Amino acid sequence: MSIIWLRVRAVLRGRGGDEGMSTSEYAMGTIAACAFAAVLYKVVTSEVVSTALQSTIGKALDAPF
């Protein structure tokens, strides 16, 4: 049998060639998540965002009922 036929038969039976992520894919995902967390931390702790959050929270706490 040809390799293509074996691959088609495996896919039709519900078994793909990839069972999950490899170690390098986990490493790249971890690096991407850490980079995103670092950027998010810098944005949230910036002076502009901090002032806006304090203003919003202050307005919410001083709202009349």
PDB file of N, CA and C in Angstrom:
ATOM      1  N   MET A   1       0.850  -1.190   0.000  1.00  0.00           N
ATOM      2  CA  MET A   1       0.000   0.000   0.000  1.00  0.00           C
ATOM      3  C   MET A   1       0.887   1.241   0.000  1.00  0.00           C
ATOM      4  N   SER A   2       0.347   2.265  -0.588  1.00  0.00           N
ATOM      5  CA  SER A   2       1.116   3.508  -0.607  1.00  0.00           C
ATOM      6  C   SER A   2       0.945   4.245   0.720  1.00  0.00           C
ATOM      7  N   ILE A   3       1.874   5.125   0.981  1.00  0.00           N
ATOM      8  CA  ILE A   3       1.837   5.903   2.227  1.00  0.00           C
ATOM      9  C   ILE A   3       0.604   6.793   2.261  1.00  0.00           C
ATOM     10  N   ILE A   4       0.228   7.324   1.118  1.00  0.00           N
ATOM     11  CA  ILE A   4      -0.946   8.198   1.057  1.00  0.00           C
ATOM     12  C   ILE A   4      -2.200   7.416   1.441  1.00  0.00           C
ATOM     13  N   TRP A   5      -2.354   6.196   0.918  1.00  0.00           N
ATOM     14  CA  TRP A   5      -3.518   5.380   1.237  1.00  0.00           C
ATOM     15  C   TRP A   5      -3.576   5.054   2.726  1.00  0.00           C
ATOM     16  N   LEU A   6      -2.419   4.759   3.328  1.00  0.00           N
ATOM     17  CA  LEU A   6      -2.386   4.476   4.763  1.00  0.00           C
ATOM     18  C   LEU A   6      -2.794   5.705   5.565  1.00  0.00           C
ATOM     19  N   ARG A   7      -2.358   6.863   5.135  1.00  0.00           N
ATOM     20  CA  ARG A   7      -2.705   8.110   5.830  1.00  0.00           C
ATOM     21  C   ARG A   7      -4.202   8.386   5.713  1.00  0.00           C
ATOM     22  N   VAL A   8      -4.755   8.219   4.513  1.00  0.00           N
ATOM     23  CA  VAL A   8      -6.194   8.434   4.304  1.00  0.00           C
ATOM     24  C   VAL A   8      -7.002   7.471   5.156  1.00  0.00           C
ATOM     25  N   ARG A   9      -6.597   6.218   5.180  1.00  0.00           N
ATOM     26  CA  ARG A   9      -7.306   5.212   5.971  1.00  0.00           C
ATOM     27  C   ARG A   9      -7.255   5.547   7.459  1.00  0.00           C
ATOM     28  N   ALA A  10      -6.106   6.026   7.942  1.00  0.00           N
ATOM     29  CA  ALA A  10      -5.977   6.393   9.358  1.00  0.00           C
ATOM     30  C   ALA A  10      -6.864   7.580   9.689  1.00  0.00           C
ATOM     31  N   VAL A  11      -6.936   8.559   8.791  1.00  0.00           N
ATOM     32  CA  VAL A  11      -7.785   9.739   9.032  1.00  0.00           C
ATOM     33  C   VAL A  11      -9.256   9.341   9.027  1.00  0.00           C
ATOM     34  N   LEU A  12      -9.640   8.478   8.101  1.00  0.00           N
ATOM     35  CA  LEU A  12     -11.031   8.043   8.053  1.00  0.00           C
ATOM     36  C   LEU A  12     -11.426   7.247   9.285  1.00  0.00           C
ATOM     37  N   ARG A  13     -10.499   6.573   9.888  1.00  0.00           N
ATOM     38  CA  ARG A  13     -10.774   5.828  11.122  1.00  0.00           C
ATOM     39  C   ARG A  13     -10.758   6.729  12.351  1.00  0.00           C
ATOM     40  N   GLY A  14     -10.435   7.995  12.169  1.00  0.00           N
ATOM     41  CA  GLY A  14     -10.455   8.932  13.278  1.00  0.00           C
ATOM     42  C   GLY A  14      -9.129   9.086  13.984  1.00  0.00           C
ATOM     43  N   ARG A  15      -8.087   8.556  13.416  1.00  0.00           N
ATOM     44  CA  ARG A  15      -6.770   8.679  14.042  1.00  0.00           C
ATOM     45  C   ARG A  15      -5.920   9.574  13.169  1.00  0.00           C
ATOM     46  N   GLY A  16      -5.723  10.803  13.619  1.00  0.00           N
ATOM     47  CA  GLY A  16      -4.848  11.706  12.894  1.00  0.00           C
ATOM     48  C   GLY A  16      -3.398  11.384  13.206  1.00  0.00           C
ATOM     49  N   GLY A  17      -2.496  11.988  12.483  1.00  0.00           N
ATOM     50  CA  GLY A  17      -1.079  11.738  12.696  1.00  0.00           C
ATOM     51  C   GLY A  17      -0.529  12.429  13.928  1.00  0.00           C
ATOM     52  N   ASP A  18      -1.163  13.518  14.340  1.00  0.00           N
ATOM     53  CA  ASP A  18      -0.664  14.269  15.495  1.00  0.00           C
ATOM     54  C   ASP A  18      -1.507  13.926  16.711  1.00  0.00           C
ATOM     55  N   GLU A  19      -0.865  13.461  17.730  1.00  0.00           N
ATOM     56  CA  GLU A  19      -1.568  13.097  18.962  1.00  0.00           C
ATOM     57  C   GLU A  19      -1.635  14.245  19.955  1.00  0.00           C
ATOM     58  N   GLY A  20      -0.804  15.249  19.808  1.00  0.00           N
ATOM     59  CA  GLY A  20      -0.781  16.376  20.728  1.00  0.00           C
ATOM     60  C   GLY A  20       0.410  17.254  20.439  1.00  0.00           C
ATOM     61  N   MET A  21       0.610  18.199  21.311  1.00  0.00           N
ATOM     62  CA  MET A  21       1.720  19.120  21.115  1.00  0.00           C
ATOM     63  C   MET A  21       3.030  18.473  21.535  1.00  0.00           C
ATOM     64  N   SER A  22       4.073  18.852  20.851  1.00  0.00           N
ATOM     65  CA  SER A  22       5.392  18.373  21.221  1.00  0.00           C
ATOM     66  C   SER A  22       6.002  19.317  22.255  1.00  0.00           C
ATOM     67  N   THR A  23       7.137  18.957  22.765  1.00  0.00           N
ATOM     68  CA  THR A  23       7.794  19.761  23.789  1.00  0.00           C
ATOM     69  C   THR A  23       8.121  21.155  23.278  1.00  0.00           C
ATOM     70  N   SER A  24       8.562  21.256  22.041  1.00  0.00           N
ATOM     71  CA  SER A  24       8.894  22.580  21.502  1.00  0.00           C
ATOM     72  C   SER A  24       7.650  23.450  21.365  1.00  0.00           C
ATOM     73  N   GLU A  25       6.503  22.846  21.054  1.00  0.00           N
ATOM     74  CA  GLU A  25       5.273  23.623  20.968  1.00  0.00           C
ATOM     75  C   GLU A  25       4.834  24.100  22.351  1.00  0.00           C
ATOM     76  N   TYR A  26       5.007  23.274  23.363  1.00  0.00           N
ATOM     77  CA  TYR A  26       4.724  23.717  24.727  1.00  0.00           C
ATOM     78  C   TYR A  26       5.649  24.862  25.122  1.00  0.00           C
ATOM     79  N   ALA A  27       6.919  24.754  24.765  1.00  0.00           N
ATOM     80  CA  ALA A  27       7.886  25.801  25.101  1.00  0.00           C
ATOM     81  C   ALA A  27       7.513  27.121  24.422  1.00  0.00           C
ATOM     82  N   MET A  28       7.148  27.073  23.147  1.00  0.00           N
ATOM     83  CA  MET A  28       6.763  28.293  22.435  1.00  0.00           C
ATOM     84  C   MET A  28       5.482  28.884  23.021  1.00  0.00           C
ATOM     85  N   GLY A  29       4.544  28.039  23.388  1.00  0.00           N
ATOM     86  CA  GLY A  29       3.318  28.532  24.017  1.00  0.00           C
ATOM     87  C   GLY A  29       3.583  29.177  25.361  1.00  0.00           C
ATOM     88  N   THR A  30       4.489  28.600  26.130  1.00  0.00           N
ATOM     89  CA  THR A  30       4.851  29.170  27.433  1.00  0.00           C
ATOM     90  C   THR A  30       5.545  30.510  27.263  1.00  0.00           C
ATOM     91  N   ILE A  31       6.450  30.601  26.307  1.00  0.00           N
ATOM     92  CA  ILE A  31       7.149  31.869  26.048  1.00  0.00           C
ATOM     93  C   ILE A  31       6.159  32.942  25.601  1.00  0.00           C
ATOM     94  N   ALA A  32       5.229  32.578  24.726  1.00  0.00           N
ATOM     95  CA  ALA A  32       4.225  33.536  24.260  1.00  0.00           C
ATOM     96  C   ALA A  32       3.337  34.007  25.408  1.00  0.00           C
ATOM     97  N   ALA A  33       2.947  33.089  26.284  1.00  0.00           N
ATOM     98  CA  ALA A  33       2.105  33.457  27.425  1.00  0.00           C
ATOM     99  C   ALA A  33       2.848  34.386  28.377  1.00  0.00           C
ATOM    100  N   CYS A  34       4.118  34.118  28.609  1.00  0.00           N
ATOM    101  CA  CYS A  34       4.922  34.980  29.490  1.00  0.00           C
ATOM    102  C   CYS A  34       5.110  36.364  28.881  1.00  0.00           C
ATOM    103  N   ALA A  35       5.337  36.424  27.582  1.00  0.00           N
ATOM    104  CA  ALA A  35       5.487  37.718  26.915  1.00  0.00           C
ATOM    105  C   ALA A  35       4.196  38.520  26.990  1.00  0.00           C
ATOM    106  N   PHE A  36       3.062  37.850  26.771  1.00  0.00           N
ATOM    107  CA  PHE A  36       1.770  38.526  26.870  1.00  0.00           C
ATOM    108  C   PHE A  36       1.522  39.029  28.294  1.00  0.00           C
ATOM    109  N   ALA A  37       1.873  38.219  29.281  1.00  0.00           N
ATOM    110  CA  ALA A  37       1.697  38.631  30.678  1.00  0.00           C
ATOM    111  C   ALA A  37       2.567  39.838  31.012  1.00  0.00           C
ATOM    112  N   ALA A  38       3.789  39.870  30.493  1.00  0.00           N
ATOM    113  CA  ALA A  38       4.680  41.002  30.749  1.00  0.00           C
ATOM    114  C   ALA A  38       4.134  42.284  30.128  1.00  0.00           C
ATOM    115  N   VAL A  39       3.624  42.190  28.908  1.00  0.00           N
ATOM    116  CA  VAL A  39       3.047  43.375  28.251  1.00  0.00           C
ATOM    117  C   VAL A  39       1.801  43.831  28.993  1.00  0.00           C
ATOM    118  N   LEU A  40       0.947  42.892  29.377  1.00  0.00           N
ATOM    119  CA  LEU A  40      -0.263  43.236  30.119  1.00  0.00           C
ATOM    120  C   LEU A  40       0.068  43.892  31.457  1.00  0.00           C
ATOM    121  N   TYR A  41       1.074  43.391  32.155  1.00  0.00           N
ATOM    122  CA  TYR A  41       1.496  43.979  33.429  1.00  0.00           C
ATOM    123  C   TYR A  41       1.970  45.412  33.230  1.00  0.00           C
ATOM    124  N   LYS A  42       2.764  45.640  32.182  1.00  0.00           N
ATOM    125  CA  LYS A  42       3.260  47.000  31.915  1.00  0.00           C
ATOM    126  C   LYS A  42       2.111  47.949  31.603  1.00  0.00           C
ATOM    127  N   VAL A  43       1.125  47.474  30.856  1.00  0.00           N
ATOM    128  CA  VAL A  43      -0.010  48.329  30.505  1.00  0.00           C
ATOM    129  C   VAL A  43      -0.839  48.658  31.740  1.00  0.00           C
ATOM    130  N   VAL A  44      -1.131  47.640  32.535  1.00  0.00           N
ATOM    131  CA  VAL A  44      -2.000  47.845  33.703  1.00  0.00           C
ATOM    132  C   VAL A  44      -1.325  48.713  34.759  1.00  0.00           C
ATOM    133  N   THR A  45      -0.015  48.604  34.904  1.00  0.00           N
ATOM    134  CA  THR A  45       0.688  49.391  35.921  1.00  0.00           C
ATOM    135  C   THR A  45       1.153  50.747  35.398  1.00  0.00           C
ATOM    136  N   SER A  46       0.816  51.093  34.154  1.00  0.00           N
ATOM    137  CA  SER A  46       1.206  52.410  33.636  1.00  0.00           C
ATOM    138  C   SER A  46       0.402  53.493  34.344  1.00  0.00           C
ATOM    139  N   GLU A  47       0.925  54.690  34.322  1.00  0.00           N
ATOM    140  CA  GLU A  47       0.304  55.816  35.028  1.00  0.00           C
ATOM    141  C   GLU A  47      -1.074  56.142  34.455  1.00  0.00           C
ATOM    142  N   VAL A  48      -1.213  56.114  33.152  1.00  0.00           N
ATOM    143  CA  VAL A  48      -2.488  56.452  32.503  1.00  0.00           C
ATOM    144  C   VAL A  48      -3.583  55.465  32.897  1.00  0.00           C
ATOM    145  N   VAL A  49      -3.288  54.181  32.813  1.00  0.00           N
ATOM    146  CA  VAL A  49      -4.291  53.164  33.142  1.00  0.00           C
ATOM    147  C   VAL A  49      -4.592  53.183  34.639  1.00  0.00           C
ATOM    148  N   SER A  50      -3.574  53.362  35.446  1.00  0.00           N
ATOM    149  CA  SER A  50      -3.777  53.410  36.896  1.00  0.00           C
ATOM    150  C   SER A  50      -4.693  54.571  37.279  1.00  0.00           C
ATOM    151  N   THR A  51      -4.460  55.725  36.683  1.00  0.00           N
ATOM    152  CA  THR A  51      -5.305  56.887  36.960  1.00  0.00           C
ATOM    153  C   THR A  51      -6.743  56.636  36.498  1.00  0.00           C
ATOM    154  N   ALA A  52      -6.898  56.054  35.327  1.00  0.00           N
ATOM    155  CA  ALA A  52      -8.242  55.768  34.809  1.00  0.00           C
ATOM    156  C   ALA A  52      -8.976  54.768  35.704  1.00  0.00           C
ATOM    157  N   LEU A  53      -8.273  53.733  36.158  1.00  0.00           N
ATOM    158  CA  LEU A  53      -8.905  52.749  37.046  1.00  0.00           C
ATOM    159  C   LEU A  53      -9.311  53.376  38.375  1.00  0.00           C
ATOM    160  N   GLN A  54      -8.441  54.206  38.938  1.00  0.00           N
ATOM    161  CA  GLN A  54      -8.762  54.868  40.200  1.00  0.00           C
ATOM    162  C   GLN A  54      -9.963  55.793  40.029  1.00  0.00           C
ATOM    163  N   SER A  55     -10.030  56.498  38.903  1.00  0.00           N
ATOM    164  CA  SER A  55     -11.157  57.388  38.638  1.00  0.00           C
ATOM    165  C   SER A  55     -12.451  56.599  38.503  1.00  0.00           C
ATOM    166  N   THR A  56     -12.400  55.510  37.775  1.00  0.00           N
ATOM    167  CA  THR A  56     -13.599  54.687  37.577  1.00  0.00           C
ATOM    168  C   THR A  56     -14.085  54.084  38.892  1.00  0.00           C
ATOM    169  N   ILE A  57     -13.164  53.580  39.686  1.00  0.00           N
ATOM    170  CA  ILE A  57     -13.536  52.994  40.978  1.00  0.00           C
ATOM    171  C   ILE A  57     -14.074  54.074  41.912  1.00  0.00           C
ATOM    172  N   GLY A  58     -13.449  55.238  41.891  1.00  0.00           N
ATOM    173  CA  GLY A  58     -13.930  56.351  42.719  1.00  0.00           C
ATOM    174  C   GLY A  58     -15.342  56.758  42.346  1.00  0.00           C
ATOM    175  N   LYS A  59     -15.621  56.841  41.055  1.00  0.00           N
ATOM    176  CA  LYS A  59     -16.972  57.209  40.595  1.00  0.00           C
ATOM    177  C   LYS A  59     -17.981  56.142  40.991  1.00  0.00           C
ATOM    178  N   ALA A  60     -17.587  54.874  40.914  1.00  0.00           N
ATOM    179  CA  ALA A  60     -18.499  53.790  41.267  1.00  0.00           C
ATOM    180  C   ALA A  60     -18.816  53.808  42.758  1.00  0.00           C
ATOM    181  N   LEU A  61     -17.828  54.113  43.573  1.00  0.00           N
ATOM    182  CA  LEU A  61     -18.048  54.123  45.026  1.00  0.00           C
ATOM    183  C   LEU A  61     -18.837  55.348  45.474  1.00  0.00           C
ATOM    184  N   ASP A  62     -18.761  56.437  44.729  1.00  0.00           N
ATOM    185  CA  ASP A  62     -19.475  57.662  45.094  1.00  0.00           C
ATOM    186  C   ASP A  62     -20.828  57.785  44.412  1.00  0.00           C
ATOM    187  N   ALA A  63     -21.285  56.748  43.741  1.00  0.00           N
ATOM    188  CA  ALA A  63     -22.552  56.806  43.015  1.00  0.00           C
ATOM    189  C   ALA A  63     -23.717  56.874  43.993  1.00  0.00           C
ATOM    190  N   PRO A  64     -24.665  57.782  43.736  1.00  0.00           N
ATOM    191  CA  PRO A  64     -25.844  57.856  44.613  1.00  0.00           C
ATOM    192  C   PRO A  64     -26.812  56.701  44.329  1.00  0.00           C
ATOM    193  N   PHE A  65     -27.458  56.246  45.367  1.00  0.00           N
ATOM    194  CA  PHE A  65     -28.431  55.146  45.216  1.00  0.00           C
ATOM    195  C   PHE A  65     -29.822  55.624  45.408  1.00  0.00           C
TER     196      PHE A  65
END
